[in-house]
Amino acid sequence: MESTVVDLRLNIKIADSYWTRLKGLLFYKEPITQEGLLITPCNSVHMFFMKFPIDVVFLDEMNRVVKTVSDLKPWRLVPPVRSAYSALELPAGTIAKKNIKKGDIIQLKCTL
């Protein structure tokens, strides 16, 4: 399988503490459009109490895509993904727009 390096060109925040991982995008009232959230470590996500859909890209420790979930709607969940180390939450439609697929490597520029 050939890997493509994908540069998202989005502001990616990191959630790596208990509180930031728990909070995630929960208190956002409007859909994200120019940012994403890297939750690490994380191998599953839930959308309980969320107000908008998102795309989720599950990554291994080398930022290689192991699973994609497009347009995950509120009140849904993704069960644990065996080989995932982190979950990248993105604006809905990003997976299709950037043609992200399993095996791609995501280039991240993260901020705290």
PDB file of N, CA and C in Angstrom:
ATOM      1  N   MET A   1       0.844  -1.174   0.000  1.00  0.00           N
ATOM      2  CA  MET A   1       0.000   0.000   0.000  1.00  0.00           C
ATOM      3  C   MET A   1       0.892   1.241   0.000  1.00  0.00           C
ATOM      4  N   GLU A   2       0.637   2.147  -0.908  1.00  0.00           N
ATOM      5  CA  GLU A   2       1.415   3.369  -1.012  1.00  0.00           C
ATOM      6  C   GLU A   2       0.892   4.409  -0.037  1.00  0.00           C
ATOM      7  N   SER A   3       1.808   5.067   0.683  1.00  0.00           N
ATOM      8  CA  SER A   3       1.430   6.092   1.649  1.00  0.00           C
ATOM      9  C   SER A   3       1.545   7.471   1.020  1.00  0.00           C
ATOM     10  N   THR A   4       0.578   8.305   1.314  1.00  0.00           N
ATOM     11  CA  THR A   4       0.604   9.699   0.907  1.00  0.00           C
ATOM     12  C   THR A   4       0.751  10.528   2.171  1.00  0.00           C
ATOM     13  N   VAL A   5       1.596  11.563   2.118  1.00  0.00           N
ATOM     14  CA  VAL A   5       1.714  12.485   3.244  1.00  0.00           C
ATOM     15  C   VAL A   5       0.663  13.569   3.037  1.00  0.00           C
ATOM     16  N   VAL A   6      -0.209  13.745   4.040  1.00  0.00           N
ATOM     17  CA  VAL A   6      -1.304  14.708   3.958  1.00  0.00           C
ATOM     18  C   VAL A   6      -1.003  15.869   4.894  1.00  0.00           C
ATOM     19  N   ASP A   7      -0.933  17.078   4.341  1.00  0.00           N
ATOM     20  CA  ASP A   7      -0.764  18.294   5.129  1.00  0.00           C
ATOM     21  C   ASP A   7      -2.148  18.925   5.266  1.00  0.00           C
ATOM     22  N   LEU A   8      -2.680  18.921   6.474  1.00  0.00           N
ATOM     23  CA  LEU A   8      -4.052  19.383   6.684  1.00  0.00           C
ATOM     24  C   LEU A   8      -4.202  20.897   6.578  1.00  0.00           C
ATOM     25  N   ARG A   9      -3.144  21.628   6.882  1.00  0.00           N
ATOM     26  CA  ARG A   9      -3.196  23.099   6.874  1.00  0.00           C
ATOM     27  C   ARG A   9      -4.302  23.618   7.794  1.00  0.00           C
ATOM     28  N   LEU A  10      -4.414  22.988   8.952  1.00  0.00           N
ATOM     29  CA  LEU A  10      -5.361  23.406   9.983  1.00  0.00           C
ATOM     30  C   LEU A  10      -4.607  23.633  11.279  1.00  0.00           C
ATOM     31  N   ASN A  11      -5.128  24.467  12.133  1.00  0.00           N
ATOM     32  CA  ASN A  11      -4.572  24.652  13.465  1.00  0.00           C
ATOM     33  C   ASN A  11      -5.003  23.461  14.318  1.00  0.00           C
ATOM     34  N   ILE A  12      -4.056  22.626  14.700  1.00  0.00           N
ATOM     35  CA  ILE A  12      -4.367  21.419  15.463  1.00  0.00           C
ATOM     36  C   ILE A  12      -3.974  21.626  16.925  1.00  0.00           C
ATOM     37  N   LYS A  13      -4.947  21.551  17.798  1.00  0.00           N
ATOM     38  CA  LYS A  13      -4.694  21.642  19.233  1.00  0.00           C
ATOM     39  C   LYS A  13      -4.482  20.226  19.776  1.00  0.00           C
ATOM     40  N   ILE A  14      -3.734  20.137  20.861  1.00  0.00           N
ATOM     41  CA  ILE A  14      -3.453  18.837  21.468  1.00  0.00           C
ATOM     42  C   ILE A  14      -4.219  18.696  22.776  1.00  0.00           C
ATOM     43  N   ALA A  15      -4.890  17.576  22.929  1.00  0.00           N
ATOM     44  CA  ALA A  15      -5.558  17.223  24.187  1.00  0.00           C
ATOM     45  C   ALA A  15      -4.837  15.991  24.724  1.00  0.00           C
ATOM     46  N   ASP A  16      -3.962  16.201  25.714  1.00  0.00           N
ATOM     47  CA  ASP A  16      -3.165  15.084  26.214  1.00  0.00           C
ATOM     48  C   ASP A  16      -3.198  14.953  27.735  1.00  0.00           C
ATOM     49  N   SER A  17      -4.051  15.715  28.383  1.00  0.00           N
ATOM     50  CA  SER A  17      -4.234  15.572  29.832  1.00  0.00           C
ATOM     51  C   SER A  17      -5.633  15.004  30.079  1.00  0.00           C
ATOM     52  N   TYR A  18      -5.860  14.545  31.273  1.00  0.00           N
ATOM     53  CA  TYR A  18      -7.178  13.981  31.593  1.00  0.00           C
ATOM     54  C   TYR A  18      -8.284  14.988  31.261  1.00  0.00           C
ATOM     55  N   TRP A  19      -8.135  16.228  31.722  1.00  0.00           N
ATOM     56  CA  TRP A  19      -9.195  17.228  31.534  1.00  0.00           C
ATOM     57  C   TRP A  19      -9.378  17.595  30.058  1.00  0.00           C
ATOM     58  N   THR A  20      -8.286  17.850  29.334  1.00  0.00           N
ATOM     59  CA  THR A  20      -8.436  18.250  27.932  1.00  0.00           C
ATOM     60  C   THR A  20      -8.974  17.112  27.078  1.00  0.00           C
ATOM     61  N   ARG A  21      -8.598  15.880  27.398  1.00  0.00           N
ATOM     62  CA  ARG A  21      -9.148  14.733  26.661  1.00  0.00           C
ATOM     63  C   ARG A  21     -10.628  14.561  26.961  1.00  0.00           C
ATOM     64  N   LEU A  22     -11.016  14.731  28.230  1.00  0.00           N
ATOM     65  CA  LEU A  22     -12.419  14.601  28.615  1.00  0.00           C
ATOM     66  C   LEU A  22     -13.270  15.687  27.963  1.00  0.00           C
ATOM     67  N   LYS A  23     -12.762  16.910  27.976  1.00  0.00           N
ATOM     68  CA  LYS A  23     -13.489  18.060  27.427  1.00  0.00           C
ATOM     69  C   LYS A  23     -13.600  17.988  25.911  1.00  0.00           C
ATOM     70  N   GLY A  24     -12.489  17.683  25.245  1.00  0.00           N
ATOM     71  CA  GLY A  24     -12.493  17.591  23.784  1.00  0.00           C
ATOM     72  C   GLY A  24     -13.124  18.809  23.138  1.00  0.00           C
ATOM     73  N   LEU A  25     -14.087  18.582  22.257  1.00  0.00           N
ATOM     74  CA  LEU A  25     -14.814  19.657  21.580  1.00  0.00           C
ATOM     75  C   LEU A  25     -16.192  19.876  22.200  1.00  0.00           C
ATOM     76  N   LEU A  26     -16.396  19.311  23.380  1.00  0.00           N
ATOM     77  CA  LEU A  26     -17.717  19.287  23.996  1.00  0.00           C
ATOM     78  C   LEU A  26     -18.376  20.650  24.151  1.00  0.00           C
ATOM     79  N   PHE A  27     -17.637  21.673  24.532  1.00  0.00           N
ATOM     80  CA  PHE A  27     -18.264  22.963  24.825  1.00  0.00           C
ATOM     81  C   PHE A  27     -18.294  23.915  23.630  1.00  0.00           C
ATOM     82  N   TYR A  28     -17.921  23.420  22.464  1.00  0.00           N
ATOM     83  CA  TYR A  28     -18.016  24.239  21.255  1.00  0.00           C
ATOM     84  C   TYR A  28     -19.483  24.324  20.841  1.00  0.00           C
ATOM     85  N   LYS A  29     -19.951  25.527  20.600  1.00  0.00           N
ATOM     86  CA  LYS A  29     -21.355  25.714  20.201  1.00  0.00           C
ATOM     87  C   LYS A  29     -21.536  25.643  18.677  1.00  0.00           C
ATOM     88  N   GLU A  30     -20.490  26.031  17.954  1.00  0.00           N
ATOM     89  CA  GLU A  30     -20.530  26.045  16.488  1.00  0.00           C
ATOM     90  C   GLU A  30     -19.568  24.990  15.938  1.00  0.00           C
ATOM     91  N   PRO A  31     -19.849  24.468  14.759  1.00  0.00           N
ATOM     92  CA  PRO A  31     -18.939  23.495  14.149  1.00  0.00           C
ATOM     93  C   PRO A  31     -17.539  24.079  13.945  1.00  0.00           C
ATOM     94  N   ILE A  32     -16.527  23.245  14.115  1.00  0.00           N
ATOM     95  CA  ILE A  32     -15.165  23.680  13.833  1.00  0.00           C
ATOM     96  C   ILE A  32     -14.998  23.778  12.323  1.00  0.00           C
ATOM     97  N   THR A  33     -14.198  24.742  11.875  1.00  0.00           N
ATOM     98  CA  THR A  33     -13.999  24.916  10.434  1.00  0.00           C
ATOM     99  C   THR A  33     -12.523  25.015  10.054  1.00  0.00           C
ATOM    100  N   GLN A  34     -11.709  25.642  10.877  1.00  0.00           N
ATOM    101  CA  GLN A  34     -10.302  25.860  10.542  1.00  0.00           C
ATOM    102  C   GLN A  34      -9.362  25.265  11.586  1.00  0.00           C
ATOM    103  N   GLU A  35      -9.862  24.327  12.370  1.00  0.00           N
ATOM    104  CA  GLU A  35      -9.042  23.738  13.421  1.00  0.00           C
ATOM    105  C   GLU A  35      -9.402  22.271  13.613  1.00  0.00           C
ATOM    106  N   GLY A  36      -8.548  21.602  14.358  1.00  0.00           N
ATOM    107  CA  GLY A  36      -8.776  20.212  14.711  1.00  0.00           C
ATOM    108  C   GLY A  36      -8.261  19.970  16.106  1.00  0.00           C
ATOM    109  N   LEU A  37      -8.521  18.769  16.617  1.00  0.00           N
ATOM    110  CA  LEU A  37      -8.085  18.404  17.958  1.00  0.00           C
ATOM    111  C   LEU A  37      -7.474  17.014  17.913  1.00  0.00           C
ATOM    112  N   LEU A  38      -6.216  16.910  18.350  1.00  0.00           N
ATOM    113  CA  LEU A  38      -5.529  15.635  18.442  1.00  0.00           C
ATOM    114  C   LEU A  38      -5.641  15.147  19.879  1.00  0.00           C
ATOM    115  N   ILE A  39      -6.369  14.059  20.073  1.00  0.00           N
ATOM    116  CA  ILE A  39      -6.553  13.483  21.408  1.00  0.00           C
ATOM    117  C   ILE A  39      -5.598  12.302  21.533  1.00  0.00           C
ATOM    118  N   THR A  40      -4.719  12.402  22.529  1.00  0.00           N
ATOM    119  CA  THR A  40      -3.691  11.376  22.676  1.00  0.00           C
ATOM    120  C   THR A  40      -3.374  11.112  24.140  1.00  0.00           C
ATOM    121  N   PRO A  41      -3.257   9.881  24.561  1.00  0.00           N
ATOM    122  CA  PRO A  41      -3.600   8.679  23.807  1.00  0.00           C
ATOM    123  C   PRO A  41      -5.118   8.525  23.714  1.00  0.00           C
ATOM    124  N   CYS A  42      -5.561   7.898  22.645  1.00  0.00           N
ATOM    125  CA  CYS A  42      -7.010   7.727  22.433  1.00  0.00           C
ATOM    126  C   CYS A  42      -7.226   6.728  21.304  1.00  0.00           C
ATOM    127  N   ASN A  43      -8.104   5.742  21.540  1.00  0.00           N
ATOM    128  CA  ASN A  43      -8.405   4.791  20.469  1.00  0.00           C
ATOM    129  C   ASN A  43      -9.901   4.644  20.208  1.00  0.00           C
ATOM    130  N   SER A  44     -10.719   5.515  20.834  1.00  0.00           N
ATOM    131  CA  SER A  44     -12.160   5.536  20.556  1.00  0.00           C
ATOM    132  C   SER A  44     -12.685   6.924  20.911  1.00  0.00           C
ATOM    133  N   VAL A  45     -13.804   7.283  20.312  1.00  0.00           N
ATOM    134  CA  VAL A  45     -14.421   8.582  20.626  1.00  0.00           C
ATOM    135  C   VAL A  45     -15.924   8.410  20.763  1.00  0.00           C
ATOM    136  N   HIS A  46     -16.515   9.342  21.501  1.00  0.00           N
ATOM    137  CA  HIS A  46     -17.976   9.397  21.583  1.00  0.00           C
ATOM    138  C   HIS A  46     -18.425  10.816  21.268  1.00  0.00           C
ATOM    139  N   MET A  47     -19.643  10.937  20.861  1.00  0.00           N
ATOM    140  CA  MET A  47     -20.202  12.232  20.481  1.00  0.00           C
ATOM    141  C   MET A  47     -21.356  12.635  21.400  1.00  0.00           C
ATOM    142  N   PHE A  48     -21.387  12.099  22.616  1.00  0.00           N
ATOM    143  CA  PHE A  48     -22.440  12.445  23.555  1.00  0.00           C
ATOM    144  C   PHE A  48     -22.374  13.935  23.880  1.00  0.00           C
ATOM    145  N   PHE A  49     -23.508  14.591  23.817  1.00  0.00           N
ATOM    146  CA  PHE A  49     -23.667  16.022  24.117  1.00  0.00           C
ATOM    147  C   PHE A  49     -23.047  16.959  23.083  1.00  0.00           C
ATOM    148  N   MET A  50     -22.532  16.414  21.988  1.00  0.00           N
ATOM    149  CA  MET A  50     -21.974  17.273  20.932  1.00  0.00           C
ATOM    150  C   MET A  50     -23.118  17.908  20.148  1.00  0.00           C
ATOM    151  N   LYS A  51     -22.819  19.032  19.507  1.00  0.00           N
ATOM    152  CA  LYS A  51     -23.845  19.787  18.791  1.00  0.00           C
ATOM    153  C   LYS A  51     -23.689  19.736  17.266  1.00  0.00           C
ATOM    154  N   PHE A  52     -22.619  19.110  16.768  1.00  0.00           N
ATOM    155  CA  PHE A  52     -22.367  19.090  15.325  1.00  0.00           C
ATOM    156  C   PHE A  52     -21.542  17.853  14.962  1.00  0.00           C
ATOM    157  N   PRO A  53     -21.615  17.412  13.708  1.00  0.00           N
ATOM    158  CA  PRO A  53     -20.822  16.255  13.276  1.00  0.00           C
ATOM    159  C   PRO A  53     -19.366  16.642  13.033  1.00  0.00           C
ATOM    160  N   ILE A  54     -18.493  15.653  13.070  1.00  0.00           N
ATOM    161  CA  ILE A  54     -17.069  15.839  12.789  1.00  0.00           C
ATOM    162  C   ILE A  54     -16.556  14.633  12.001  1.00  0.00           C
ATOM    163  N   ASP A  55     -15.379  14.786  11.431  1.00  0.00           N
ATOM    164  CA  ASP A  55     -14.645  13.654  10.879  1.00  0.00           C
ATOM    165  C   ASP A  55     -13.617  13.242  11.922  1.00  0.00           C
ATOM    166  N   VAL A  56     -13.329  11.951  12.013  1.00  0.00           N
ATOM    167  CA  VAL A  56     -12.321  11.455  12.949  1.00  0.00           C
ATOM    168  C   VAL A  56     -11.337  10.570  12.193  1.00  0.00           C
ATOM    169  N   VAL A  57     -10.052  10.850  12.406  1.00  0.00           N
ATOM    170  CA  VAL A  57      -8.982  10.054  11.811  1.00  0.00           C
ATOM    171  C   VAL A  57      -8.202   9.429  12.958  1.00  0.00           C
ATOM    172  N   PHE A  58      -8.164   8.109  12.996  1.00  0.00           N
ATOM    173  CA  PHE A  58      -7.403   7.402  14.022  1.00  0.00           C
ATOM    174  C   PHE A  58      -6.000   7.150  13.490  1.00  0.00           C
ATOM    175  N   LEU A  59      -5.003   7.465  14.323  1.00  0.00           N
ATOM    176  CA  LEU A  59      -3.600   7.393  13.919  1.00  0.00           C
ATOM    177  C   LEU A  59      -2.818   6.446  14.810  1.00  0.00           C
ATOM    178  N   ASP A  60      -1.769   5.831  14.235  1.00  0.00           N
ATOM    179  CA  ASP A  60      -0.845   5.061  15.065  1.00  0.00           C
ATOM    180  C   ASP A  60       0.212   6.027  15.617  1.00  0.00           C
ATOM    181  N   GLU A  61       1.233   5.501  16.278  1.00  0.00           N
ATOM    182  CA  GLU A  61       2.238   6.361  16.903  1.00  0.00           C
ATOM    183  C   GLU A  61       3.116   7.106  15.896  1.00  0.00           C
ATOM    184  N   MET A  62       3.069   6.713  14.646  1.00  0.00           N
ATOM    185  CA  MET A  62       3.848   7.388  13.592  1.00  0.00           C
ATOM    186  C   MET A  62       2.964   8.322  12.750  1.00  0.00           C
ATOM    187  N   ASN A  63       1.755   8.603  13.230  1.00  0.00           N
ATOM    188  CA  ASN A  63       0.769   9.442  12.531  1.00  0.00           C
ATOM    189  C   ASN A  63       0.300   8.836  11.216  1.00  0.00           C
ATOM    190  N   ARG A  64       0.343   7.517  11.137  1.00  0.00           N
ATOM    191  CA  ARG A  64      -0.190   6.806   9.967  1.00  0.00           C
ATOM    192  C   ARG A  64      -1.667   6.520  10.236  1.00  0.00           C
ATOM    193  N   VAL A  65      -2.498   6.761   9.249  1.00  0.00           N
ATOM    194  CA  VAL A  65      -3.943   6.558   9.379  1.00  0.00           C
ATOM    195  C   VAL A  65      -4.253   5.070   9.478  1.00  0.00           C
ATOM    196  N   VAL A  66      -4.978   4.691  10.549  1.00  0.00           N
ATOM    197  CA  VAL A  66      -5.388   3.292  10.703  1.00  0.00           C
ATOM    198  C   VAL A  66      -6.896   3.130  10.494  1.00  0.00           C
ATOM    199  N   LYS A  67      -7.649   4.245  10.621  1.00  0.00           N
ATOM    200  CA  LYS A  67      -9.096   4.196  10.383  1.00  0.00           C
ATOM    201  C   LYS A  67      -9.611   5.622  10.202  1.00  0.00           C
ATOM    202  N   THR A  68     -10.604   5.777   9.331  1.00  0.00           N
ATOM    203  CA  THR A  68     -11.273   7.068   9.168  1.00  0.00           C
ATOM    204  C   THR A  68     -12.762   6.896   9.422  1.00  0.00           C
ATOM    205  N   VAL A  69     -13.355   7.917  10.002  1.00  0.00           N
ATOM    206  CA  VAL A  69     -14.801   7.937  10.224  1.00  0.00           C
ATOM    207  C   VAL A  69     -15.295   9.308   9.760  1.00  0.00           C
ATOM    208  N   SER A  70     -16.056   9.315   8.690  1.00  0.00           N
ATOM    209  CA  SER A  70     -16.563  10.563   8.127  1.00  0.00           C
ATOM    210  C   SER A  70     -17.919  10.918   8.704  1.00  0.00           C
ATOM    211  N   ASP A  71     -18.112  12.224   8.937  1.00  0.00           N
ATOM    212  CA  ASP A  71     -19.413  12.763   9.319  1.00  0.00           C
ATOM    213  C   ASP A  71     -20.024  12.048  10.529  1.00  0.00           C
ATOM    214  N   LEU A  72     -19.232  11.908  11.587  1.00  0.00           N
ATOM    215  CA  LEU A  72     -19.715  11.273  12.815  1.00  0.00           C
ATOM    216  C   LEU A  72     -20.678  12.233  13.507  1.00  0.00           C
ATOM    217  N   LYS A  73     -21.894  11.806  13.644  1.00  0.00           N
ATOM    218  CA  LYS A  73     -22.959  12.676  14.146  1.00  0.00           C
ATOM    219  C   LYS A  73     -23.051  12.644  15.676  1.00  0.00           C
ATOM    220  N   PRO A  74     -23.660  13.707  16.248  1.00  0.00           N
ATOM    221  CA  PRO A  74     -23.863  13.720  17.705  1.00  0.00           C
ATOM    222  C   PRO A  74     -24.592  12.465  18.183  1.00  0.00           C
ATOM    223  N   TRP A  75     -24.265  12.052  19.393  1.00  0.00           N
ATOM    224  CA  TRP A  75     -24.859  10.911  20.093  1.00  0.00           C
ATOM    225  C   TRP A  75     -24.465   9.567  19.486  1.00  0.00           C
ATOM    226  N   ARG A  76     -23.372   9.540  18.744  1.00  0.00           N
ATOM    227  CA  ARG A  76     -22.828   8.290  18.211  1.00  0.00           C
ATOM    228  C   ARG A  76     -21.495   8.025  18.899  1.00  0.00           C
ATOM    229  N   LEU A  77     -20.973   6.816  18.708  1.00  0.00           N
ATOM    230  CA  LEU A  77     -19.647   6.510  19.229  1.00  0.00           C
ATOM    231  C   LEU A  77     -18.917   5.590  18.284  1.00  0.00           C
ATOM    232  N   VAL A  78     -17.603   5.606  18.403  1.00  0.00           N
ATOM    233  CA  VAL A  78     -16.746   4.706  17.641  1.00  0.00           C
ATOM    234  C   VAL A  78     -16.085   3.796  18.665  1.00  0.00           C
ATOM    235  N   PRO A  79     -16.309   2.489  18.563  1.00  0.00           N
ATOM    236  CA  PRO A  79     -15.677   1.566  19.513  1.00  0.00           C
ATOM    237  C   PRO A  79     -14.156   1.591  19.355  1.00  0.00           C
ATOM    238  N   PRO A  80     -13.436   1.042  20.327  1.00  0.00           N
ATOM    239  CA  PRO A  80     -11.973   1.067  20.265  1.00  0.00           C
ATOM    240  C   PRO A  80     -11.419   0.525  18.948  1.00  0.00           C
ATOM    241  N   VAL A  81     -10.443   1.247  18.435  1.00  0.00           N
ATOM    242  CA  VAL A  81      -9.729   0.864  17.214  1.00  0.00           C
ATOM    243  C   VAL A  81      -8.403   0.269  17.673  1.00  0.00           C
ATOM    244  N   ARG A  82      -8.233  -1.002  17.427  1.00  0.00           N
ATOM    245  CA  ARG A  82      -7.128  -1.786  17.990  1.00  0.00           C
ATOM    246  C   ARG A  82      -5.758  -1.139  17.813  1.00  0.00           C
ATOM    247  N   SER A  83      -5.412  -0.691  16.643  1.00  0.00           N
ATOM    248  CA  SER A  83      -4.054  -0.195  16.392  1.00  0.00           C
ATOM    249  C   SER A  83      -3.921   1.323  16.516  1.00  0.00           C
ATOM    250  N   ALA A  84      -4.953   1.990  17.017  1.00  0.00           N
ATOM    251  CA  ALA A  84      -4.904   3.452  17.124  1.00  0.00           C
ATOM    252  C   ALA A  84      -4.195   3.895  18.398  1.00  0.00           C
ATOM    253  N   TYR A  85      -3.388   4.931  18.256  1.00  0.00           N
ATOM    254  CA  TYR A  85      -2.728   5.564  19.392  1.00  0.00           C
ATOM    255  C   TYR A  85      -3.374   6.912  19.712  1.00  0.00           C
ATOM    256  N   SER A  86      -3.910   7.581  18.683  1.00  0.00           N
ATOM    257  CA  SER A  86      -4.538   8.882  18.882  1.00  0.00           C
ATOM    258  C   SER A  86      -5.714   9.047  17.926  1.00  0.00           C
ATOM    259  N   ALA A  87      -6.563  10.020  18.273  1.00  0.00           N
ATOM    260  CA  ALA A  87      -7.714  10.344  17.430  1.00  0.00           C
ATOM    261  C   ALA A  87      -7.620  11.816  17.042  1.00  0.00           C
ATOM    262  N   LEU A  88      -7.744  12.081  15.772  1.00  0.00           N
ATOM    263  CA  LEU A  88      -7.697  13.435  15.258  1.00  0.00           C
ATOM    264  C   LEU A  88      -9.105  13.839  14.844  1.00  0.00           C
ATOM    265  N   GLU A  89      -9.684  14.786  15.593  1.00  0.00           N
ATOM    266  CA  GLU A  89     -11.036  15.265  15.291  1.00  0.00           C
ATOM    267  C   GLU A  89     -10.927  16.479  14.380  1.00  0.00           C
ATOM    268  N   LEU A  90     -11.645  16.404  13.261  1.00  0.00           N
ATOM    269  CA  LEU A  90     -11.531  17.406  12.201  1.00  0.00           C
ATOM    270  C   LEU A  90     -12.900  17.919  11.781  1.00  0.00           C
ATOM    271  N   PRO A  91     -12.934  19.064  11.098  1.00  0.00           N
ATOM    272  CA  PRO A  91     -14.217  19.546  10.568  1.00  0.00           C
ATOM    273  C   PRO A  91     -14.847  18.493   9.657  1.00  0.00           C
ATOM    274  N   ALA A  92     -16.155  18.355   9.735  1.00  0.00           N
ATOM    275  CA  ALA A  92     -16.872  17.421   8.867  1.00  0.00           C
ATOM    276  C   ALA A  92     -16.543  17.748   7.411  1.00  0.00           C
ATOM    277  N   GLY A  93     -16.254  16.727   6.632  1.00  0.00           N
ATOM    278  CA  GLY A  93     -15.930  16.896   5.216  1.00  0.00           C
ATOM    279  C   GLY A  93     -14.444  16.910   4.915  1.00  0.00           C
ATOM    280  N   THR A  94     -13.593  16.991   5.952  1.00  0.00           N
ATOM    281  CA  THR A  94     -12.144  17.060   5.742  1.00  0.00           C
ATOM    282  C   THR A  94     -11.594  15.775   5.126  1.00  0.00           C
ATOM    283  N   ILE A  95     -12.084  14.630   5.566  1.00  0.00           N
ATOM    284  CA  ILE A  95     -11.586  13.356   5.032  1.00  0.00           C
ATOM    285  C   ILE A  95     -11.805  13.285   3.523  1.00  0.00           C
ATOM    286  N   ALA A  96     -12.982  13.645   3.063  1.00  0.00           N
ATOM    287  CA  ALA A  96     -13.267  13.628   1.625  1.00  0.00           C
ATOM    288  C   ALA A  96     -12.489  14.724   0.891  1.00  0.00           C
ATOM    289  N   LYS A  97     -12.461  15.926   1.458  1.00  0.00           N
ATOM    290  CA  LYS A  97     -11.788  17.061   0.811  1.00  0.00           C
ATOM    291  C   LYS A  97     -10.298  16.802   0.621  1.00  0.00           C
ATOM    292  N   LYS A  98      -9.657  16.201   1.621  1.00  0.00           N
ATOM    293  CA  LYS A  98      -8.216  15.936   1.562  1.00  0.00           C
ATOM    294  C   LYS A  98      -7.906  14.519   1.066  1.00  0.00           C
ATOM    295  N   ASN A  99      -8.951  13.741   0.750  1.00  0.00           N
ATOM    296  CA  ASN A  99      -8.804  12.367   0.268  1.00  0.00           C
ATOM    297  C   ASN A  99      -7.944  11.527   1.213  1.00  0.00           C
ATOM    298  N   ILE A 100      -8.241  11.618   2.515  1.00  0.00           N
ATOM    299  CA  ILE A 100      -7.489  10.879   3.531  1.00  0.00           C
ATOM    300  C   ILE A 100      -7.952   9.430   3.525  1.00  0.00           C
ATOM    301  N   LYS A 101      -6.971   8.518   3.499  1.00  0.00           N
ATOM    302  CA  LYS A 101      -7.315   7.099   3.494  1.00  0.00           C
ATOM    303  C   LYS A 101      -6.348   6.320   4.383  1.00  0.00           C
ATOM    304  N   LYS A 102      -6.740   5.110   4.717  1.00  0.00           N
ATOM    305  CA  LYS A 102      -5.916   4.235   5.545  1.00  0.00           C
ATOM    306  C   LYS A 102      -4.526   4.107   4.928  1.00  0.00           C
ATOM    307  N   GLY A 103      -3.505   4.246   5.767  1.00  0.00           N
ATOM    308  CA  GLY A 103      -2.129   4.145   5.315  1.00  0.00           C
ATOM    309  C   GLY A 103      -1.462   5.482   5.068  1.00  0.00           C
ATOM    310  N   ASP A 104      -2.247   6.552   4.875  1.00  0.00           N
ATOM    311  CA  ASP A 104      -1.664   7.882   4.697  1.00  0.00           C
ATOM    312  C   ASP A 104      -0.961   8.317   5.978  1.00  0.00           C
ATOM    313  N   ILE A 105      -0.018   9.216   5.829  1.00  0.00           N
ATOM    314  CA  ILE A 105       0.671   9.799   6.979  1.00  0.00           C
ATOM    315  C   ILE A 105       0.207  11.244   7.104  1.00  0.00           C
ATOM    316  N   ILE A 106      -0.255  11.602   8.285  1.00  0.00           N
ATOM    317  CA  ILE A 106      -0.769  12.959   8.515  1.00  0.00           C
ATOM    318  C   ILE A 106       0.359  13.826   9.054  1.00  0.00           C
ATOM    319  N   GLN A 107       0.616  14.929   8.356  1.00  0.00           N
ATOM    320  CA  GLN A 107       1.620  15.903   8.801  1.00  0.00           C
ATOM    321  C   GLN A 107       0.901  16.898   9.708  1.00  0.00           C
ATOM    322  N   LEU A 108       1.337  16.964  10.965  1.00  0.00           N
ATOM    323  CA  LEU A 108       0.667  17.804  11.954  1.00  0.00           C
ATOM    324  C   LEU A 108       1.548  18.969  12.389  1.00  0.00           C
ATOM    325  N   LYS A 109       0.920  20.127  12.500  1.00  0.00           N
ATOM    326  CA  LYS A 109       1.537  21.287  13.125  1.00  0.00           C
ATOM    327  C   LYS A 109       0.634  21.620  14.302  1.00  0.00           C
ATOM    328  N   CYS A 110       1.046  21.209  15.489  1.00  0.00           N
ATOM    329  CA  CYS A 110       0.177  21.294  16.666  1.00  0.00           C
ATOM    330  C   CYS A 110       0.511  22.489  17.538  1.00  0.00           C
ATOM    331  N   THR A 111      -0.531  22.964  18.228  1.00  0.00           N
ATOM    332  CA  THR A 111      -0.379  24.017  19.224  1.00  0.00           C
ATOM    333  C   THR A 111      -1.032  23.544  20.515  1.00  0.00           C
ATOM    334  N   LEU A 112      -0.617  24.110  21.612  1.00  0.00           N
ATOM    335  CA  LEU A 112      -1.219  23.747  22.888  1.00  0.00           C
ATOM    336  C   LEU A 112      -2.391  24.628  23.198  1.00  0.00           C
TER     337      LEU A 112
END
